[in-house]
Amino acid sequence: MFECLLDDDQLALLKTRIERTLEPEEDQVRFYPMSGHTRHKVLVMGMQPDRVIDDDVFIV
């Protein structure tokens, strides 16, 4: 699982690149957009990165 801070253009580019390499019969990629409304419900255990999350967050 990867957590990415992406704007709309970056997300579109990521999706395009994944589609090029994805094997639909073997692979699965899920995108879970998180809004400001649900972001506070994320539980993180362990090291906390030194960054402020003020943009949309997508877990890829």
C-alpha atoms as a PDB file:
ATOM      1  CA  MET A   1       0.000   0.000   0.000  1.00  0.00           C
ATOM      2  CA  PHE A   2       1.239   3.449  -0.867  1.00  0.00           C
ATOM      3  CA  GLU A   3       0.000   6.789   0.368  1.00  0.00           C
ATOM      4  CA  CYS A   4       0.336   9.598  -2.129  1.00  0.00           C
ATOM      5  CA  LEU A   5      -0.415  13.296  -1.919  1.00  0.00           C
ATOM      6  CA  LEU A   6      -1.594  14.090  -5.436  1.00  0.00           C
ATOM      7  CA  ASP A   7      -3.330  16.902  -7.200  1.00  0.00           C
ATOM      8  CA  ASP A   8      -5.819  16.104  -9.985  1.00  0.00           C
ATOM      9  CA  ASP A   9      -3.205  16.245 -12.749  1.00  0.00           C
ATOM     10  CA  GLN A  10      -0.791  13.997 -10.876  1.00  0.00           C
ATOM     11  CA  LEU A  11      -3.565  11.480 -10.189  1.00  0.00           C
ATOM     12  CA  ALA A  12      -4.544  11.392 -13.865  1.00  0.00           C
ATOM     13  CA  LEU A  13      -0.919  10.815 -14.872  1.00  0.00           C
ATOM     14  CA  LEU A  14      -0.507   8.048 -12.294  1.00  0.00           C
ATOM     15  CA  LYS A  15      -3.663   6.297 -13.511  1.00  0.00           C
ATOM     16  CA  THR A  16      -2.464   6.491 -17.123  1.00  0.00           C
ATOM     17  CA  ARG A  17       0.913   5.006 -16.240  1.00  0.00           C
ATOM     18  CA  ILE A  18      -0.622   2.222 -14.190  1.00  0.00           C
ATOM     19  CA  GLU A  19      -3.068   1.354 -16.985  1.00  0.00           C
ATOM     20  CA  ARG A  20      -0.116   0.889 -19.356  1.00  0.00           C
ATOM     21  CA  THR A  21       1.507  -1.763 -17.161  1.00  0.00           C
ATOM     22  CA  LEU A  22      -1.523  -3.337 -15.517  1.00  0.00           C
ATOM     23  CA  GLU A  23      -2.320  -6.946 -16.380  1.00  0.00           C
ATOM     24  CA  PRO A  24      -6.138  -6.901 -15.948  1.00  0.00           C
ATOM     25  CA  GLU A  25      -6.346 -10.679 -15.582  1.00  0.00           C
ATOM     26  CA  GLU A  26      -3.689 -10.731 -12.841  1.00  0.00           C
ATOM     27  CA  ASP A  27      -3.428  -7.314 -11.199  1.00  0.00           C
ATOM     28  CA  GLN A  28      -5.708  -5.034  -9.250  1.00  0.00           C
ATOM     29  CA  VAL A  29      -5.079  -1.453  -8.200  1.00  0.00           C
ATOM     30  CA  ARG A  30      -7.473   0.444  -5.961  1.00  0.00           C
ATOM     31  CA  PHE A  31      -7.687   4.161  -5.323  1.00  0.00           C
ATOM     32  CA  TYR A  32      -9.288   5.383  -2.122  1.00  0.00           C
ATOM     33  CA  PRO A  33      -9.749   9.167  -2.144  1.00  0.00           C
ATOM     34  CA  MET A  34      -9.895  10.709   1.286  1.00  0.00           C
ATOM     35  CA  SER A  35     -11.675  13.969   1.934  1.00  0.00           C
ATOM     36  CA  GLY A  36     -11.035  16.435   4.706  1.00  0.00           C
ATOM     37  CA  HIS A  37     -14.145  14.997   6.314  1.00  0.00           C
ATOM     38  CA  THR A  38     -12.702  11.475   6.607  1.00  0.00           C
ATOM     39  CA  ARG A  39      -8.990  12.258   6.891  1.00  0.00           C
ATOM     40  CA  HIS A  40      -9.183  12.722  10.665  1.00  0.00           C
ATOM     41  CA  LYS A  41     -10.387   9.100  11.005  1.00  0.00           C
ATOM     42  CA  VAL A  42      -7.115   7.657   9.687  1.00  0.00           C
ATOM     43  CA  LEU A  43      -5.193   5.772  12.362  1.00  0.00           C
ATOM     44  CA  VAL A  44      -1.424   5.861  11.932  1.00  0.00           C
ATOM     45  CA  MET A  45       0.835   3.843  14.192  1.00  0.00           C
ATOM     46  CA  GLY A  46       4.581   4.318  14.263  1.00  0.00           C
ATOM     47  CA  MET A  47       6.732   7.009  12.701  1.00  0.00           C
ATOM     48  CA  GLN A  48       4.942  10.200  11.747  1.00  0.00           C
ATOM     49  CA  PRO A  49       6.389  12.117   8.773  1.00  0.00           C
ATOM     50  CA  ASP A  50       7.052  15.824   9.219  1.00  0.00           C
ATOM     51  CA  ARG A  51       4.460  17.150   6.801  1.00  0.00           C
ATOM     52  CA  VAL A  52       1.181  18.963   6.933  1.00  0.00           C
ATOM     53  CA  ILE A  53      -1.542  17.317   4.896  1.00  0.00           C
ATOM     54  CA  ASP A  54      -3.630  20.097   3.451  1.00  0.00           C
ATOM     55  CA  ASP A  55      -4.279  18.564   0.043  1.00  0.00           C
ATOM     56  CA  ASP A  56      -6.353  15.633  -1.156  1.00  0.00           C
ATOM     57  CA  VAL A  57      -4.843  12.322  -0.123  1.00  0.00           C
ATOM     58  CA  PHE A  58      -5.062   9.227  -2.252  1.00  0.00           C
ATOM     59  CA  ILE A  59      -3.991   5.839  -1.060  1.00  0.00           C
ATOM     60  CA  VAL A  60      -2.718   3.841  -3.963  1.00  0.00           C
END
